[in-house]
């Protein structure tokens, strides 16, 4: 598995199981490819190089603002509205199709059954969430400031009750 992070987080990537840790400030992640699957947690300017780094028959999963028509319709949005909402991502879908790559731009939705499955995986130790900081409900402003800094290792958590 190949993963990207700043120079300060290279050892963290390796401790989480990355075989190859790419320092995105000094290396092009594409040079470590081609990849079977790319999970793009940044998107934006990285969508095109990410899709181009996937092998034919592979899969691109954009996690930020790249929902395609399928993702919208799976959440219950009518087809015409889904098409309009996904319009800006059509060039990415076309590039992926041209390269023989599956394009996925998922949307999150409230799904109690899915959350229960994830909780069971966490409880079993199959998934080990990396929590950066925990804030109380009365510290929302501080939590948002922390997230906005984009310098967290892992997730920022809001504790609803003690």
Protein backbone atom coordinates (compact mmCIF):
# COMPACT_ATOMS: atom_id res chain seq x y z
CA UNK A 1 0.00 0.00 0.00
CA UNK A 2 1.20 3.49 -0.86
CA UNK A 3 0.09 6.52 1.15
CA UNK A 4 0.89 10.23 1.11
CA UNK A 5 1.57 12.69 3.91
CA UNK A 6 3.94 15.49 4.84
CA UNK A 7 7.52 14.73 5.83
CA UNK A 8 6.52 14.94 9.50
CA UNK A 9 4.03 12.09 9.08
CA UNK A 10 6.07 9.56 7.12
CA UNK A 11 6.71 7.30 10.12
CA UNK A 12 3.03 7.47 11.07
CA UNK A 13 2.08 6.20 7.59
CA UNK A 14 4.49 3.30 7.95
CA UNK A 15 3.17 2.46 11.43
CA UNK A 16 -0.33 2.33 9.92
CA UNK A 17 0.80 -0.22 7.33
CA UNK A 18 2.00 1.76 4.32
CA UNK A 19 4.68 -0.06 2.34
CA UNK A 20 5.57 3.15 0.55
CA UNK A 21 5.20 6.55 2.22
CA UNK A 22 5.28 9.47 -0.21
CA UNK A 23 6.17 12.97 1.00
CA UNK A 24 3.74 14.96 -1.14
CA UNK A 25 5.80 18.14 -0.79
CA UNK A 26 8.88 16.57 -2.39
CA UNK A 27 7.59 13.63 -4.44
CA UNK A 28 4.89 12.99 -7.00
CA UNK A 29 2.60 10.24 -5.78
CA UNK A 30 1.96 9.27 -9.41
CA UNK A 31 5.57 8.10 -9.70
CA UNK A 32 4.86 5.34 -7.15
CA UNK A 33 2.04 3.95 -9.36
CA UNK A 34 0.31 2.69 -11.30
CA UNK A 35 -2.24 1.72 -8.66
CA UNK A 36 -5.15 -0.72 -8.52
CA UNK A 37 -7.19 1.66 -6.37
CA UNK A 38 -6.75 5.31 -5.43
CA UNK A 39 -8.64 6.80 -2.48
CA UNK A 40 -8.33 10.54 -2.99
CA UNK A 41 -9.03 12.41 0.23
CA UNK A 42 -7.98 15.77 -1.20
CA UNK A 43 -9.48 15.88 -4.72
CA UNK A 44 -9.41 19.33 -6.36
CA UNK A 45 -6.24 19.56 -8.44
CA UNK A 46 -5.38 15.93 -7.63
CA UNK A 47 -8.39 14.30 -9.34
CA UNK A 48 -6.88 14.18 -12.84
CA UNK A 49 -3.41 12.93 -11.82
CA UNK A 50 -5.06 10.45 -9.46
CA UNK A 51 -7.26 9.00 -12.21
CA UNK A 52 -4.27 8.87 -14.56
CA UNK A 53 -2.29 6.93 -11.94
CA UNK A 54 -4.86 4.08 -11.79
CA UNK A 55 -4.29 0.94 -13.86
CA UNK A 56 -6.89 0.03 -16.50
CA UNK A 57 -9.50 -2.04 -14.69
CA UNK A 58 -8.75 -0.24 -11.43
CA UNK A 59 -10.85 2.09 -9.36
CA UNK A 60 -10.69 5.78 -8.41
CA UNK A 61 -12.61 6.87 -5.30
CA UNK A 62 -12.79 10.61 -4.73
CA UNK A 63 -13.83 11.41 -1.20
CA UNK A 64 -14.35 15.18 -1.47
CA UNK A 65 -16.80 17.02 -3.77
CA UNK A 66 -16.69 14.60 -6.70
CA UNK A 67 -20.04 12.86 -6.39
CA UNK A 68 -21.15 11.38 -9.70
CA UNK A 69 -24.73 10.83 -10.90
CA UNK A 70 -24.82 7.29 -9.49
CA UNK A 71 -23.85 8.53 -6.03
CA UNK A 72 -26.59 11.15 -6.07
CA UNK A 73 -29.27 8.76 -7.30
CA UNK A 74 -28.25 6.19 -4.66
CA UNK A 75 -29.17 8.76 -2.02
CA UNK A 76 -32.65 9.11 -3.52
CA UNK A 77 -32.15 12.24 -5.60
CA UNK A 78 -34.25 12.19 -8.82
CA UNK A 79 -32.24 11.40 -11.98
CA UNK A 80 -32.47 14.86 -13.59
CA UNK A 81 -31.43 16.63 -10.41
CA UNK A 82 -28.62 14.09 -9.91
CA UNK A 83 -27.39 14.82 -13.42
CA UNK A 84 -27.38 18.55 -12.71
CA UNK A 85 -25.59 18.12 -9.37
CA UNK A 86 -22.89 15.93 -10.93
CA UNK A 87 -22.41 18.10 -14.02
CA UNK A 88 -19.07 19.53 -12.89
CA UNK A 89 -17.62 16.07 -12.39
CA UNK A 90 -18.49 14.73 -15.84
CA UNK A 91 -15.00 15.45 -17.24
CA UNK A 92 -13.52 13.27 -14.49
CA UNK A 93 -16.00 10.48 -15.19
CA UNK A 94 -15.18 10.72 -18.91
CA UNK A 95 -11.42 10.59 -18.25
CA UNK A 96 -11.86 7.54 -16.04
CA UNK A 97 -14.04 5.80 -18.66
CA UNK A 98 -11.52 6.62 -21.39
CA UNK A 99 -8.77 4.99 -19.31
CA UNK A 100 -10.86 1.94 -18.34
CA UNK A 101 -11.02 3.05 -14.70
CA UNK A 102 -14.09 2.85 -12.46
CA UNK A 103 -15.00 6.28 -11.09
CA UNK A 104 -16.63 6.56 -7.69
CA UNK A 105 -17.59 9.82 -6.06
CA UNK A 106 -19.46 8.64 -2.99
CA UNK A 107 -21.72 10.68 -0.76
CA UNK A 108 -22.16 10.05 2.91
CA UNK A 109 -25.61 9.55 4.29
CA UNK A 110 -27.17 8.62 7.58
CA UNK A 111 -27.24 4.84 7.67
CA UNK A 112 -27.65 3.26 11.11
CA UNK A 113 -27.05 -0.28 9.88
CA UNK A 114 -23.81 0.73 8.17
CA UNK A 115 -22.64 2.61 11.26
CA UNK A 116 -23.39 -0.48 13.37
CA UNK A 117 -21.22 -2.58 11.02
CA UNK A 118 -18.39 -0.05 11.29
CA UNK A 119 -18.73 0.03 15.10
CA UNK A 120 -18.49 -3.78 15.17
CA UNK A 121 -15.29 -3.62 13.10
CA UNK A 122 -13.84 -1.04 15.49
CA UNK A 123 -14.86 -3.14 18.51
CA UNK A 124 -13.23 -6.21 16.93
CA UNK A 125 -10.02 -4.28 16.31
CA UNK A 126 -10.28 -4.65 12.53
CA UNK A 127 -10.44 -0.87 12.16
CA UNK A 128 -8.31 1.26 14.42
CA UNK A 129 -9.44 4.87 14.21
CA UNK A 130 -6.77 7.47 14.70
CA UNK A 131 -8.18 10.22 16.90
CA UNK A 132 -6.31 13.51 16.91
CA UNK A 133 -8.24 15.29 19.65
CA UNK A 134 -11.49 15.02 21.56
CA UNK A 135 -13.48 18.17 22.32
CA UNK A 136 -16.52 18.65 24.49
CA UNK A 137 -19.72 19.94 22.97
CA UNK A 138 -18.97 23.29 24.61
CA UNK A 139 -15.71 23.48 22.62
CA UNK A 140 -17.14 23.40 19.08
CA UNK A 141 -15.41 26.63 18.02
CA UNK A 142 -12.04 25.26 19.13
CA UNK A 143 -12.72 21.97 17.33
CA UNK A 144 -13.58 23.78 14.08
CA UNK A 145 -10.44 25.91 14.38
CA UNK A 146 -8.40 22.75 14.85
CA UNK A 147 -9.95 21.15 11.75
CA UNK A 148 -9.49 24.34 9.73
CA UNK A 149 -5.76 24.29 10.50
CA UNK A 150 -5.54 21.10 8.37
CA UNK A 151 -2.72 19.99 10.64
CA UNK A 152 -4.35 17.17 12.53
CA UNK A 153 -3.27 13.55 12.67
CA UNK A 154 -6.47 11.59 12.49
CA UNK A 155 -9.99 12.66 13.31
CA UNK A 156 -11.32 15.42 15.52
CA UNK A 157 -14.05 14.04 17.77
CA UNK A 158 -16.87 15.85 19.56
CA UNK A 159 -17.88 14.15 22.80
CA UNK A 160 -21.63 14.55 23.25
CA UNK A 161 -21.60 13.20 26.82
CA UNK A 162 -18.93 12.21 29.33
